[in-house]
C-alpha atoms as a PDB file:
ATOM      1  CA  MET A   1     103.663 179.362 125.507  1.00  0.00           C
ATOM      2  CA  ALA A   2     102.096 182.482 123.980  1.00  0.00           C
ATOM      3  CA  ILE A   3     101.408 182.827 120.292  1.00  0.00           C
ATOM      4  CA  ARG A   4     102.963 186.002 119.027  1.00  0.00           C
ATOM      5  CA  LEU A   5     100.625 187.450 116.412  1.00  0.00           C
ATOM      6  CA  SER A   6     103.341 189.723 115.078  1.00  0.00           C
ATOM      7  CA  GLN A   7     105.685 186.752 114.584  1.00  0.00           C
ATOM      8  CA  ILE A   8     103.035 184.819 112.661  1.00  0.00           C
ATOM      9  CA  LEU A   9     102.272 187.804 110.449  1.00  0.00           C
ATOM     10  CA  ARG A  10     105.967 188.512 109.892  1.00  0.00           C
ATOM     11  CA  GLN A  11     106.693 184.891 108.953  1.00  0.00           C
ATOM     12  CA  SER A  12     103.688 184.796 106.625  1.00  0.00           C
ATOM     13  CA  SER A  13     104.500 188.074 104.931  1.00  0.00           C
ATOM     14  CA  LEU A  14     108.132 187.056 104.435  1.00  0.00           C
ATOM     15  CA  PHE A  15     107.015 183.771 102.927  1.00  0.00           C
ATOM     16  CA  PHE A  16     104.543 185.411 100.571  1.00  0.00           C
ATOM     17  CA  ALA A  17     107.021 188.116  99.580  1.00  0.00           C
ATOM     18  CA  ASN A  18     109.515 185.423  98.571  1.00  0.00           C
ATOM     19  CA  LYS A  19     106.907 183.368  96.698  1.00  0.00           C
ATOM     20  CA  ALA A  20     104.700 186.063  95.232  1.00  0.00           C
ATOM     21  CA  THR A  21     103.822 183.970  92.202  1.00  0.00           C
ATOM     22  CA  SER A  22     103.319 180.661  94.003  1.00  0.00           C
ATOM     23  CA  SER A  23      99.893 179.029  94.040  1.00  0.00           C
ATOM     24  CA  SER A  24      99.627 179.634  97.788  1.00  0.00           C
ATOM     25  CA  SER A  25      99.556 183.423  97.382  1.00  0.00           C
ATOM     26  CA  VAL A  26      97.709 183.795  94.084  1.00  0.00           C
ATOM     27  CA  GLY A  27      94.231 185.213  94.482  1.00  0.00           C
ATOM     28  CA  VAL A  28      94.524 186.138  98.163  1.00  0.00           C
ATOM     29  CA  PRO A  29      92.804 189.473  98.778  1.00  0.00           C
ATOM     30  CA  LYS A  30      94.423 192.137 100.917  1.00  0.00           C
ATOM     31  CA  GLY A  31      93.586 191.589 104.584  1.00  0.00           C
ATOM     32  CA  TYR A  32      93.399 187.801 104.230  1.00  0.00           C
ATOM     33  CA  ILE A  33      95.795 184.930 104.811  1.00  0.00           C
ATOM     34  CA  VAL A  34      96.012 181.392 103.457  1.00  0.00           C
ATOM     35  CA  VAL A  35      95.819 178.583 105.997  1.00  0.00           C
ATOM     36  CA  TYR A  36      96.082 174.855 105.386  1.00  0.00           C
ATOM     37  CA  VAL A  37      93.807 172.733 107.546  1.00  0.00           C
ATOM     38  CA  GLY A  38      93.563 169.024 108.190  1.00  0.00           C
ATOM     39  CA  GLU A  39      94.976 166.219 110.248  1.00  0.00           C
ATOM     40  CA  PHE A  40      96.370 164.254 107.305  1.00  0.00           C
ATOM     41  CA  GLU A  41      95.274 165.728 103.997  1.00  0.00           C
ATOM     42  CA  LYS A  42      95.521 169.525 104.096  1.00  0.00           C
ATOM     43  CA  LYS A  43      92.916 171.769 102.476  1.00  0.00           C
ATOM     44  CA  ARG A  44      93.578 175.423 101.595  1.00  0.00           C
ATOM     45  CA  PHE A  45      91.375 178.126 103.144  1.00  0.00           C
ATOM     46  CA  VAL A  46      91.563 181.912 102.818  1.00  0.00           C
ATOM     47  CA  VAL A  47      90.531 183.654 106.040  1.00  0.00           C
ATOM     48  CA  PRO A  48      90.520 187.264 107.240  1.00  0.00           C
ATOM     49  CA  ILE A  49      93.640 188.297 109.149  1.00  0.00           C
ATOM     50  CA  SER A  50      91.276 189.535 111.882  1.00  0.00           C
ATOM     51  CA  PHE A  51      90.656 185.869 112.821  1.00  0.00           C
ATOM     52  CA  LEU A  52      94.224 185.696 114.151  1.00  0.00           C
ATOM     53  CA  SER A  53      93.268 187.857 117.134  1.00  0.00           C
ATOM     54  CA  GLN A  54      90.221 185.774 118.131  1.00  0.00           C
ATOM     55  CA  PRO A  55      90.739 183.561 121.233  1.00  0.00           C
ATOM     56  CA  SER A  56      89.188 180.470 119.631  1.00  0.00           C
ATOM     57  CA  PHE A  57      91.387 180.845 116.541  1.00  0.00           C
ATOM     58  CA  GLN A  58      94.431 181.451 118.733  1.00  0.00           C
ATOM     59  CA  GLU A  59      93.846 178.053 120.329  1.00  0.00           C
ATOM     60  CA  LEU A  60      94.245 176.501 116.870  1.00  0.00           C
ATOM     61  CA  LEU A  61      97.404 178.557 116.393  1.00  0.00           C
ATOM     62  CA  ARG A  62      98.796 177.164 119.657  1.00  0.00           C
ATOM     63  CA  LYS A  63      98.223 173.638 118.342  1.00  0.00           C
ATOM     64  CA  ALA A  64      99.982 174.585 115.115  1.00  0.00           C
ATOM     65  CA  GLU A  65     102.908 176.043 117.062  1.00  0.00           C
ATOM     66  CA  GLU A  66     103.214 172.872 119.170  1.00  0.00           C
ATOM     67  CA  GLU A  67     103.233 170.652 116.096  1.00  0.00           C
ATOM     68  CA  PHE A  68     105.169 172.732 113.569  1.00  0.00           C
ATOM     69  CA  GLY A  69     106.830 175.590 115.445  1.00  0.00           C
ATOM     70  CA  TYR A  70     107.011 178.385 112.900  1.00  0.00           C
ATOM     71  CA  ASN A  71     108.168 176.132 110.061  1.00  0.00           C
ATOM     72  CA  TYR A  72     105.037 175.277 108.090  1.00  0.00           C
ATOM     73  CA  PRO A  73     105.353 172.200 105.847  1.00  0.00           C
ATOM     74  CA  MET A  74     102.689 173.374 103.373  1.00  0.00           C
ATOM     75  CA  GLY A  75     104.484 176.668 102.794  1.00  0.00           C
ATOM     76  CA  GLY A  76     101.873 178.644 104.697  1.00  0.00           C
ATOM     77  CA  LEU A  77     100.187 178.630 108.060  1.00  0.00           C
ATOM     78  CA  THR A  78      99.224 174.986 108.699  1.00  0.00           C
ATOM     79  CA  ILE A  79      96.620 174.085 111.329  1.00  0.00           C
ATOM     80  CA  PRO A  80      96.454 170.452 112.462  1.00  0.00           C
ATOM     81  CA  CYS A  81      92.737 170.022 113.165  1.00  0.00           C
ATOM     82  CA  ARG A  82      89.794 168.353 111.479  1.00  0.00           C
ATOM     83  CA  GLU A  83      88.351 170.331 108.601  1.00  0.00           C
ATOM     84  CA  ASP A  84      84.785 170.206 110.000  1.00  0.00           C
ATOM     85  CA  ILE A  85      85.960 171.703 113.308  1.00  0.00           C
ATOM     86  CA  PHE A  86      87.777 174.502 111.467  1.00  0.00           C
ATOM     87  CA  ILE A  87      84.727 175.265 109.316  1.00  0.00           C
ATOM     88  CA  ASP A  88      82.470 175.333 112.373  1.00  0.00           C
ATOM     89  CA  LEU A  89      84.831 177.664 114.247  1.00  0.00           C
ATOM     90  CA  THR A  90      85.314 180.075 111.336  1.00  0.00           C
ATOM     91  CA  SER A  91      81.593 180.172 110.569  1.00  0.00           C
ATOM     92  CA  ARG A  92      81.008 181.373 114.145  1.00  0.00           C
ATOM     93  CA  LEU A  93      83.687 184.068 113.715  1.00  0.00           C
ATOM     94  CA  ASN A  94      82.111 185.468 110.536  1.00  0.00           C
END
C-alpha cells in the first residue's frame, strides 16, 4: 500500500483552504504542514513539507493511512505514534 504524496498534499491543502481561519492553519509558514502526533492525546507540530518525502517519515505516514485512511480526526494530518519517537525522528531529519 503506497502512500501517495500528492494525495496527502491535496487533502491537506483542500482542508486548509476550507478552514483558513481555523486554529490548525493559523501561523503555519509557507512550505510547512501541521501534523498531530500521539497515541492517545494528540500534540500539534509544524514540520517542513520536505519531510513528507523522507523514507522514515513515510513509514509514519503509512501507519497513519492504516489507522485513519485519509480522513484525519484532528482536522489535519494525524500520526499515531509516541511523541518522543516523532521528536527523535524529526530531529534527525533537520
